[in-house]
PDB file of all heavy atoms in Angstrom:
ATOM      1  N   PRO A   1       5.578  41.606 -76.602  1.00  0.00           N
ATOM      2  CA  PRO A   1       6.102  40.596 -77.529  1.00  0.00           C
ATOM      3  C   PRO A   1       6.299  41.216 -78.916  1.00  0.00           C
ATOM      4  O   PRO A   1       5.671  42.227 -79.216  1.00  0.00           O
ATOM      5  CB  PRO A   1       5.002  39.532 -77.547  1.00  0.00           C
ATOM      6  CG  PRO A   1       3.781  40.169 -77.018  1.00  0.00           C
ATOM      7  CD  PRO A   1       4.210  41.350 -76.193  1.00  0.00           C
ATOM      8  N   PRO A   2       7.161  40.602 -79.706  1.00  0.00           N
ATOM      9  CA  PRO A   2       7.902  39.367 -79.458  1.00  0.00           C
ATOM     10  C   PRO A   2       9.060  39.619 -78.480  1.00  0.00           C
ATOM     11  O   PRO A   2       9.687  40.669 -78.496  1.00  0.00           O
ATOM     12  CB  PRO A   2       8.426  38.952 -80.839  1.00  0.00           C
ATOM     13  CG  PRO A   2       8.494  40.229 -81.609  1.00  0.00           C
ATOM     14  CD  PRO A   2       7.413  41.122 -81.065  1.00  0.00           C
ATOM     15  N   PHE A   3       9.292  38.627 -77.612  1.00  0.00           N
ATOM     16  CA  PHE A   3      10.269  38.778 -76.547  1.00  0.00           C
ATOM     17  C   PHE A   3      11.689  38.473 -76.993  1.00  0.00           C
ATOM     18  O   PHE A   3      11.919  37.577 -77.800  1.00  0.00           O
ATOM     19  CB  PHE A   3       9.894  37.883 -75.369  1.00  0.00           C
ATOM     20  CG  PHE A   3       8.593  38.275 -74.732  1.00  0.00           C
ATOM     21  CD1 PHE A   3       7.472  37.473 -74.862  1.00  0.00           C
ATOM     22  CD2 PHE A   3       8.477  39.457 -74.031  1.00  0.00           C
ATOM     23  CE1 PHE A   3       6.263  37.836 -74.293  1.00  0.00           C
ATOM     24  CE2 PHE A   3       7.282  39.846 -73.458  1.00  0.00           C
ATOM     25  CZ  PHE A   3       6.164  39.035 -73.589  1.00  0.00           C
ATOM     26  N   THR A   4      12.603  39.227 -76.424  1.00  0.00           N
ATOM     27  CA  THR A   4      14.035  38.929 -76.497  1.00  0.00           C
ATOM     28  C   THR A   4      14.408  38.366 -75.139  1.00  0.00           C
ATOM     29  O   THR A   4      13.588  38.393 -74.196  1.00  0.00           O
ATOM     30  CB  THR A   4      14.851  40.218 -76.747  1.00  0.00           C
ATOM     31  OG1 THR A   4      14.662  41.087 -75.616  1.00  0.00           O
ATOM     32  CG2 THR A   4      14.416  40.912 -78.035  1.00  0.00           C
ATOM     33  N   GLU A   5      15.622  37.907 -74.982  1.00  0.00           N
ATOM     34  CA  GLU A   5      16.036  37.430 -73.658  1.00  0.00           C
ATOM     35  C   GLU A   5      15.898  38.541 -72.627  1.00  0.00           C
ATOM     36  O   GLU A   5      15.373  38.321 -71.532  1.00  0.00           O
ATOM     37  CB  GLU A   5      17.459  36.904 -73.692  1.00  0.00           C
ATOM     38  CG  GLU A   5      17.892  36.349 -72.345  1.00  0.00           C
ATOM     39  CD  GLU A   5      19.277  35.721 -72.356  1.00  0.00           C
ATOM     40  OE1 GLU A   5      19.978  35.813 -73.376  1.00  0.00           O
ATOM     41  OE2 GLU A   5      19.627  35.132 -71.333  1.00  0.00           O
ATOM     42  N   GLU A   6      16.337  39.736 -72.971  1.00  0.00           N
ATOM     43  CA  GLU A   6      16.272  40.863 -72.046  1.00  0.00           C
ATOM     44  C   GLU A   6      14.832  41.199 -71.667  1.00  0.00           C
ATOM     45  O   GLU A   6      14.512  41.397 -70.493  1.00  0.00           O
ATOM     46  CB  GLU A   6      16.960  42.083 -72.660  1.00  0.00           C
ATOM     47  CG  GLU A   6      16.963  43.286 -71.760  1.00  0.00           C
ATOM     48  CD  GLU A   6      17.645  44.500 -72.397  1.00  0.00           C
ATOM     49  OE1 GLU A   6      18.061  44.431 -73.569  1.00  0.00           O
ATOM     50  OE2 GLU A   6      17.741  45.522 -71.694  1.00  0.00           O
ATOM     51  N   SER A   7      13.940  41.271 -72.653  1.00  0.00           N
ATOM     52  CA  SER A   7      12.551  41.641 -72.360  1.00  0.00           C
ATOM     53  C   SER A   7      11.813  40.511 -71.632  1.00  0.00           C
ATOM     54  O   SER A   7      10.964  40.777 -70.769  1.00  0.00           O
ATOM     55  CB  SER A   7      11.808  42.081 -73.616  1.00  0.00           C
ATOM     56  OG  SER A   7      11.688  41.030 -74.552  1.00  0.00           O
ATOM     57  N   ALA A   8      12.135  39.254 -71.945  1.00  0.00           N
ATOM     58  CA  ALA A   8      11.515  38.135 -71.226  1.00  0.00           C
ATOM     59  C   ALA A   8      11.953  38.146 -69.765  1.00  0.00           C
ATOM     60  O   ALA A   8      11.131  37.936 -68.863  1.00  0.00           O
ATOM     61  CB  ALA A   8      11.885  36.809 -71.888  1.00  0.00           C
ATOM     62  N   LEU A   9      13.227  38.412 -69.513  1.00  0.00           N
ATOM     63  CA  LEU A   9      13.714  38.512 -68.123  1.00  0.00           C
ATOM     64  C   LEU A   9      13.013  39.654 -67.390  1.00  0.00           C
ATOM     65  O   LEU A   9      12.638  39.506 -66.216  1.00  0.00           O
ATOM     66  CB  LEU A   9      15.226  38.720 -68.095  1.00  0.00           C
ATOM     67  CG  LEU A   9      16.071  37.489 -68.358  1.00  0.00           C
ATOM     68  CD1 LEU A   9      17.532  37.889 -68.615  1.00  0.00           C
ATOM     69  CD2 LEU A   9      15.980  36.514 -67.190  1.00  0.00           C
ATOM     70  N   ALA A  10      12.819  40.780 -68.058  1.00  0.00           N
ATOM     71  CA  ALA A  10      12.119  41.904 -67.439  1.00  0.00           C
ATOM     72  C   ALA A  10      10.669  41.541 -67.112  1.00  0.00           C
ATOM     73  O   ALA A  10      10.149  41.920 -66.062  1.00  0.00           O
ATOM     74  CB  ALA A  10      12.174  43.130 -68.355  1.00  0.00           C
ATOM     75  N   LYS A  11      10.019  40.792 -67.997  1.00  0.00           N
ATOM     76  CA  LYS A  11       8.634  40.376 -67.756  1.00  0.00           C
ATOM     77  C   LYS A  11       8.566  39.444 -66.545  1.00  0.00           C
ATOM     78  O   LYS A  11       7.661  39.564 -65.711  1.00  0.00           O
ATOM     79  CB  LYS A  11       8.097  39.674 -69.015  1.00  0.00           C
ATOM     80  CG  LYS A  11       6.612  39.625 -69.113  1.00  0.00           C
ATOM     81  CD  LYS A  11       6.036  40.996 -69.281  1.00  0.00           C
ATOM     82  CE  LYS A  11       4.859  41.046 -70.202  1.00  0.00           C
ATOM     83  NZ  LYS A  11       4.230  42.372 -70.206  1.00  0.00           N
ATOM     84  N   VAL A  12       9.527  38.533 -66.436  1.00  0.00           N
ATOM     85  CA  VAL A  12       9.565  37.601 -65.300  1.00  0.00           C
ATOM     86  C   VAL A  12       9.789  38.378 -63.996  1.00  0.00           C
ATOM     87  O   VAL A  12       9.125  38.110 -62.997  1.00  0.00           O
ATOM     88  CB  VAL A  12      10.656  36.525 -65.512  1.00  0.00           C
ATOM     89  CG1 VAL A  12      10.860  35.683 -64.266  1.00  0.00           C
ATOM     90  CG2 VAL A  12      10.286  35.649 -66.707  1.00  0.00           C
ATOM     91  N   ARG A  13      10.730  39.335 -63.990  1.00  0.00           N
ATOM     92  CA  ARG A  13      10.983  40.128 -62.779  1.00  0.00           C
ATOM     93  C   ARG A  13       9.743  40.920 -62.378  1.00  0.00           C
ATOM     94  O   ARG A  13       9.419  41.024 -61.204  1.00  0.00           O
ATOM     95  CB  ARG A  13      12.155  41.103 -62.981  1.00  0.00           C
ATOM     96  CG  ARG A  13      13.521  40.483 -63.054  1.00  0.00           C
ATOM     97  CD  ARG A  13      14.074  39.883 -61.742  1.00  0.00           C
ATOM     98  NE  ARG A  13      13.475  38.659 -61.286  1.00  0.00           N
ATOM     99  CZ  ARG A  13      13.698  37.425 -61.770  1.00  0.00           C
ATOM    100  NH1 ARG A  13      14.543  37.228 -62.760  1.00  0.00           N
ATOM    101  NH2 ARG A  13      13.091  36.376 -61.279  1.00  0.00           N
ATOM    102  N   ALA A  14       9.053  41.508 -63.355  1.00  0.00           N
ATOM    103  CA  ALA A  14       7.837  42.272 -63.058  1.00  0.00           C
ATOM    104  C   ALA A  14       6.772  41.382 -62.442  1.00  0.00           C
ATOM    105  O   ALA A  14       6.092  41.770 -61.478  1.00  0.00           O
ATOM    106  CB  ALA A  14       7.314  42.950 -64.328  1.00  0.00           C
ATOM    107  N   ALA A  15       6.627  40.177 -62.974  1.00  0.00           N
ATOM    108  CA  ALA A  15       5.651  39.233 -62.417  1.00  0.00           C
ATOM    109  C   ALA A  15       6.043  38.831 -60.996  1.00  0.00           C
ATOM    110  O   ALA A  15       5.184  38.796 -60.096  1.00  0.00           O
ATOM    111  CB  ALA A  15       5.543  37.992 -63.301  1.00  0.00           C
ATOM    112  N   GLU A  16       7.306  38.536 -60.785  1.00  0.00           N
ATOM    113  CA  GLU A  16       7.774  38.174 -59.440  1.00  0.00           C
ATOM    114  C   GLU A  16       7.486  39.304 -58.456  1.00  0.00           C
ATOM    115  O   GLU A  16       6.970  39.055 -57.355  1.00  0.00           O
ATOM    116  CB  GLU A  16       9.270  37.877 -59.491  1.00  0.00           C
ATOM    117  CG  GLU A  16       9.862  37.488 -58.150  1.00  0.00           C
ATOM    118  CD  GLU A  16      11.347  37.247 -58.242  1.00  0.00           C
ATOM    119  OE1 GLU A  16      11.734  36.129 -58.629  1.00  0.00           O
ATOM    120  OE2 GLU A  16      12.130  38.178 -57.941  1.00  0.00           O
ATOM    121  N   ASP A  17       7.812  40.533 -58.834  1.00  0.00           N
ATOM    122  CA  ASP A  17       7.570  41.679 -57.935  1.00  0.00           C
ATOM    123  C   ASP A  17       6.085  41.832 -57.628  1.00  0.00           C
ATOM    124  O   ASP A  17       5.708  42.074 -56.475  1.00  0.00           O
ATOM    125  CB  ASP A  17       8.090  42.969 -58.569  1.00  0.00           C
ATOM    126  CG  ASP A  17       9.609  43.016 -58.629  1.00  0.00           C
ATOM    127  OD1 ASP A  17      10.284  42.198 -57.972  1.00  0.00           O
ATOM    128  OD2 ASP A  17      10.129  43.872 -59.379  1.00  0.00           O
ATOM    129  N   ALA A  18       5.249  41.708 -58.640  1.00  0.00           N
ATOM    130  CA  ALA A  18       3.811  41.849 -58.417  1.00  0.00           C
ATOM    131  C   ALA A  18       3.280  40.762 -57.483  1.00  0.00           C
ATOM    132  O   ALA A  18       2.557  41.058 -56.525  1.00  0.00           O
ATOM    133  CB  ALA A  18       3.054  41.825 -59.746  1.00  0.00           C
ATOM    134  N   TRP A  19       3.643  39.510 -57.734  1.00  0.00           N
ATOM    135  CA  TRP A  19       3.152  38.418 -56.889  1.00  0.00           C
ATOM    136  C   TRP A  19       3.660  38.555 -55.464  1.00  0.00           C
ATOM    137  O   TRP A  19       2.944  38.252 -54.509  1.00  0.00           O
ATOM    138  CB  TRP A  19       3.527  37.065 -57.488  1.00  0.00           C
ATOM    139  CG  TRP A  19       2.620  36.650 -58.600  1.00  0.00           C
ATOM    140  CD1 TRP A  19       2.525  37.205 -59.841  1.00  0.00           C
ATOM    141  CD2 TRP A  19       1.655  35.601 -58.568  1.00  0.00           C
ATOM    142  NE1 TRP A  19       1.560  36.554 -60.576  1.00  0.00           N
ATOM    143  CE2 TRP A  19       1.017  35.571 -59.822  1.00  0.00           C
ATOM    144  CE3 TRP A  19       1.279  34.681 -57.588  1.00  0.00           C
ATOM    145  CZ2 TRP A  19       0.011  34.657 -60.122  1.00  0.00           C
ATOM    146  CZ3 TRP A  19       0.286  33.760 -57.898  1.00  0.00           C
ATOM    147  CH2 TRP A  19      -0.341  33.764 -59.146  1.00  0.00           C
ATOM    148  N   ASN A  20       4.887  39.021 -55.281  1.00  0.00           N
ATOM    149  CA  ASN A  20       5.407  39.197 -53.930  1.00  0.00           C
ATOM    150  C   ASN A  20       4.733  40.345 -53.181  1.00  0.00           C
ATOM    151  O   ASN A  20       4.824  40.419 -51.958  1.00  0.00           O
ATOM    152  CB  ASN A  20       6.932  39.373 -53.949  1.00  0.00           C
ATOM    153  CG  ASN A  20       7.650  38.055 -54.041  1.00  0.00           C
ATOM    154  OD1 ASN A  20       7.206  37.057 -53.485  1.00  0.00           O
ATOM    155  ND2 ASN A  20       8.752  38.038 -54.763  1.00  0.00           N
ATOM    156  N   SER A  21       4.030  41.210 -53.893  1.00  0.00           N
ATOM    157  CA  SER A  21       3.257  42.261 -53.216  1.00  0.00           C
ATOM    158  C   SER A  21       2.040  41.675 -52.503  1.00  0.00           C
ATOM    159  O   SER A  21       1.485  42.299 -51.616  1.00  0.00           O
ATOM    160  CB  SER A  21       2.800  43.319 -54.227  1.00  0.00           C
ATOM    161  OG  SER A  21       1.704  42.850 -55.007  1.00  0.00           O
ATOM    162  N   ARG A  22       1.607  40.487 -52.944  1.00  0.00           N
ATOM    163  CA  ARG A  22       0.407  39.823 -52.421  1.00  0.00           C
ATOM    164  C   ARG A  22      -0.829  40.732 -52.542  1.00  0.00           C
ATOM    165  O   ARG A  22      -1.730  40.685 -51.720  1.00  0.00           O
ATOM    166  CB  ARG A  22       0.622  39.350 -50.984  1.00  0.00           C
ATOM    167  CG  ARG A  22       1.710  38.319 -50.877  1.00  0.00           C
ATOM    168  CD  ARG A  22       1.858  37.754 -49.477  1.00  0.00           C
ATOM    169  NE  ARG A  22       2.219  38.727 -48.481  1.00  0.00           N
ATOM    170  CZ  ARG A  22       3.439  38.880 -47.967  1.00  0.00           C
ATOM    171  NH1 ARG A  22       4.421  38.120 -48.367  1.00  0.00           N
ATOM    172  NH2 ARG A  22       3.663  39.786 -47.046  1.00  0.00           N
ATOM    173  N   ASP A  23      -0.851  41.521 -53.594  1.00  0.00           N
ATOM    174  CA  ASP A  23      -1.958  42.431 -53.870  1.00  0.00           C
ATOM    175  C   ASP A  23      -2.738  41.877 -55.063  1.00  0.00           C
ATOM    176  O   ASP A  23      -2.296  42.005 -56.214  1.00  0.00           O
ATOM    177  CB  ASP A  23      -1.397  43.818 -54.178  1.00  0.00           C
ATOM    178  CG  ASP A  23      -2.472  44.832 -54.525  1.00  0.00           C
ATOM    179  OD1 ASP A  23      -3.644  44.460 -54.781  1.00  0.00           O
ATOM    180  OD2 ASP A  23      -2.142  46.034 -54.575  1.00  0.00           O
ATOM    181  N   PRO A  24      -3.896  41.245 -54.815  1.00  0.00           N
ATOM    182  CA  PRO A  24      -4.662  40.620 -55.903  1.00  0.00           C
ATOM    183  C   PRO A  24      -5.007  41.590 -57.039  1.00  0.00           C
ATOM    184  O   PRO A  24      -4.977  41.215 -58.207  1.00  0.00           O
ATOM    185  CB  PRO A  24      -5.928  40.101 -55.232  1.00  0.00           C
ATOM    186  CG  PRO A  24      -5.550  39.950 -53.794  1.00  0.00           C
ATOM    187  CD  PRO A  24      -4.551  41.036 -53.512  1.00  0.00           C
ATOM    188  N   GLU A  25      -5.307  42.831 -56.708  1.00  0.00           N
ATOM    189  CA  GLU A  25      -5.660  43.812 -57.742  1.00  0.00           C
ATOM    190  C   GLU A  25      -4.453  44.113 -58.624  1.00  0.00           C
ATOM    191  O   GLU A  25      -4.562  44.121 -59.852  1.00  0.00           O
ATOM    192  CB  GLU A  25      -6.172  45.102 -57.106  1.00  0.00           C
ATOM    193  CG  GLU A  25      -6.609  46.142 -58.106  1.00  0.00           C
ATOM    194  CD  GLU A  25      -7.782  45.690 -58.977  1.00  0.00           C
ATOM    195  OE1 GLU A  25      -8.631  44.925 -58.504  1.00  0.00           O
ATOM    196  OE2 GLU A  25      -7.840  46.115 -60.139  1.00  0.00           O
ATOM    197  N   ARG A  26      -3.318  44.349 -58.021  1.00  0.00           N
ATOM    198  CA  ARG A  26      -2.100  44.635 -58.786  1.00  0.00           C
ATOM    199  C   ARG A  26      -1.749  43.473 -59.721  1.00  0.00           C
ATOM    200  O   ARG A  26      -1.448  43.678 -60.896  1.00  0.00           O
ATOM    201  CB  ARG A  26      -0.935  44.919 -57.835  1.00  0.00           C
ATOM    202  CG  ARG A  26       0.373  45.150 -58.542  1.00  0.00           C
ATOM    203  CD  ARG A  26       1.500  45.440 -57.571  1.00  0.00           C
ATOM    204  NE  ARG A  26       2.777  45.451 -58.268  1.00  0.00           N
ATOM    205  CZ  ARG A  26       3.946  45.490 -57.670  1.00  0.00           C
ATOM    206  NH1 ARG A  26       4.015  45.525 -56.349  1.00  0.00           N
ATOM    207  NH2 ARG A  26       5.060  45.481 -58.380  1.00  0.00           N
ATOM    208  N   VAL A  27      -1.811  42.273 -59.211  1.00  0.00           N
ATOM    209  CA  VAL A  27      -1.474  41.096 -60.006  1.00  0.00           C
ATOM    210  C   VAL A  27      -2.493  40.912 -61.130  1.00  0.00           C
ATOM    211  O   VAL A  27      -2.125  40.684 -62.291  1.00  0.00           O
ATOM    212  CB  VAL A  27      -1.381  39.830 -59.131  1.00  0.00           C
ATOM    213  CG1 VAL A  27      -1.181  38.589 -59.980  1.00  0.00           C
ATOM    214  CG2 VAL A  27      -0.236  39.975 -58.118  1.00  0.00           C
ATOM    215  N   ALA A  28      -3.766  41.034 -60.832  1.00  0.00           N
ATOM    216  CA  ALA A  28      -4.823  40.797 -61.821  1.00  0.00           C
ATOM    217  C   ALA A  28      -4.740  41.754 -63.002  1.00  0.00           C
ATOM    218  O   ALA A  28      -5.108  41.393 -64.129  1.00  0.00           O
ATOM    219  CB  ALA A  28      -6.193  40.882 -61.166  1.00  0.00           C
ATOM    220  N   LEU A  29      -4.232  42.964 -62.792  1.00  0.00           N
ATOM    221  CA  LEU A  29      -4.152  43.945 -63.879  1.00  0.00           C
ATOM    222  C   LEU A  29      -3.147  43.561 -64.965  1.00  0.00           C
ATOM    223  O   LEU A  29      -3.147  44.144 -66.041  1.00  0.00           O
ATOM    224  CB  LEU A  29      -3.812  45.321 -63.318  1.00  0.00           C
ATOM    225  CG  LEU A  29      -4.947  45.988 -62.554  1.00  0.00           C
ATOM    226  CD1 LEU A  29      -4.454  47.299 -61.937  1.00  0.00           C
ATOM    227  CD2 LEU A  29      -6.160  46.222 -63.437  1.00  0.00           C
ATOM    228  N   ALA A  30      -2.311  42.560 -64.707  1.00  0.00           N
ATOM    229  CA  ALA A  30      -1.354  42.093 -65.727  1.00  0.00           C
ATOM    230  C   ALA A  30      -1.994  41.116 -66.712  1.00  0.00           C
ATOM    231  O   ALA A  30      -1.352  40.706 -67.671  1.00  0.00           O
ATOM    232  CB  ALA A  30      -0.162  41.448 -65.045  1.00  0.00           C
ATOM    233  N   TYR A  31      -3.252  40.749 -66.498  1.00  0.00           N
ATOM    234  CA  TYR A  31      -3.943  39.754 -67.309  1.00  0.00           C
ATOM    235  C   TYR A  31      -5.041  40.400 -68.132  1.00  0.00           C
ATOM    236  O   TYR A  31      -5.642  41.393 -67.734  1.00  0.00           O
ATOM    237  CB  TYR A  31      -4.531  38.662 -66.393  1.00  0.00           C
ATOM    238  CG  TYR A  31      -3.459  37.979 -65.597  1.00  0.00           C
ATOM    239  CD1 TYR A  31      -3.102  38.427 -64.337  1.00  0.00           C
ATOM    240  CD2 TYR A  31      -2.731  36.923 -66.140  1.00  0.00           C
ATOM    241  CE1 TYR A  31      -2.066  37.846 -63.623  1.00  0.00           C
ATOM    242  CE2 TYR A  31      -1.689  36.328 -65.431  1.00  0.00           C
ATOM    243  CZ  TYR A  31      -1.376  36.796 -64.175  1.00  0.00           C
ATOM    244  OH  TYR A  31      -0.334  36.218 -63.494  1.00  0.00           O
ATOM    245  N   THR A  32      -5.344  39.808 -69.293  1.00  0.00           N
ATOM    246  CA  THR A  32      -6.447  40.309 -70.102  1.00  0.00           C
ATOM    247  C   THR A  32      -7.756  40.103 -69.340  1.00  0.00           C
ATOM    248  O   THR A  32      -7.842  39.254 -68.441  1.00  0.00           O
ATOM    249  CB  THR A  32      -6.525  39.574 -71.453  1.00  0.00           C
ATOM    250  OG1 THR A  32      -6.752  38.182 -71.237  1.00  0.00           O
ATOM    251  CG2 THR A  32      -5.262  39.776 -72.286  1.00  0.00           C
TER     252      THR A  32
END
């Protein structure tokens, strides 16, 4: 942050890819 449209879209795609991996460790590392 601060996000632009391009960077916000990239963040959303990264989250979608991580969640679709169904890997709890990979997903959890994106959080504080």
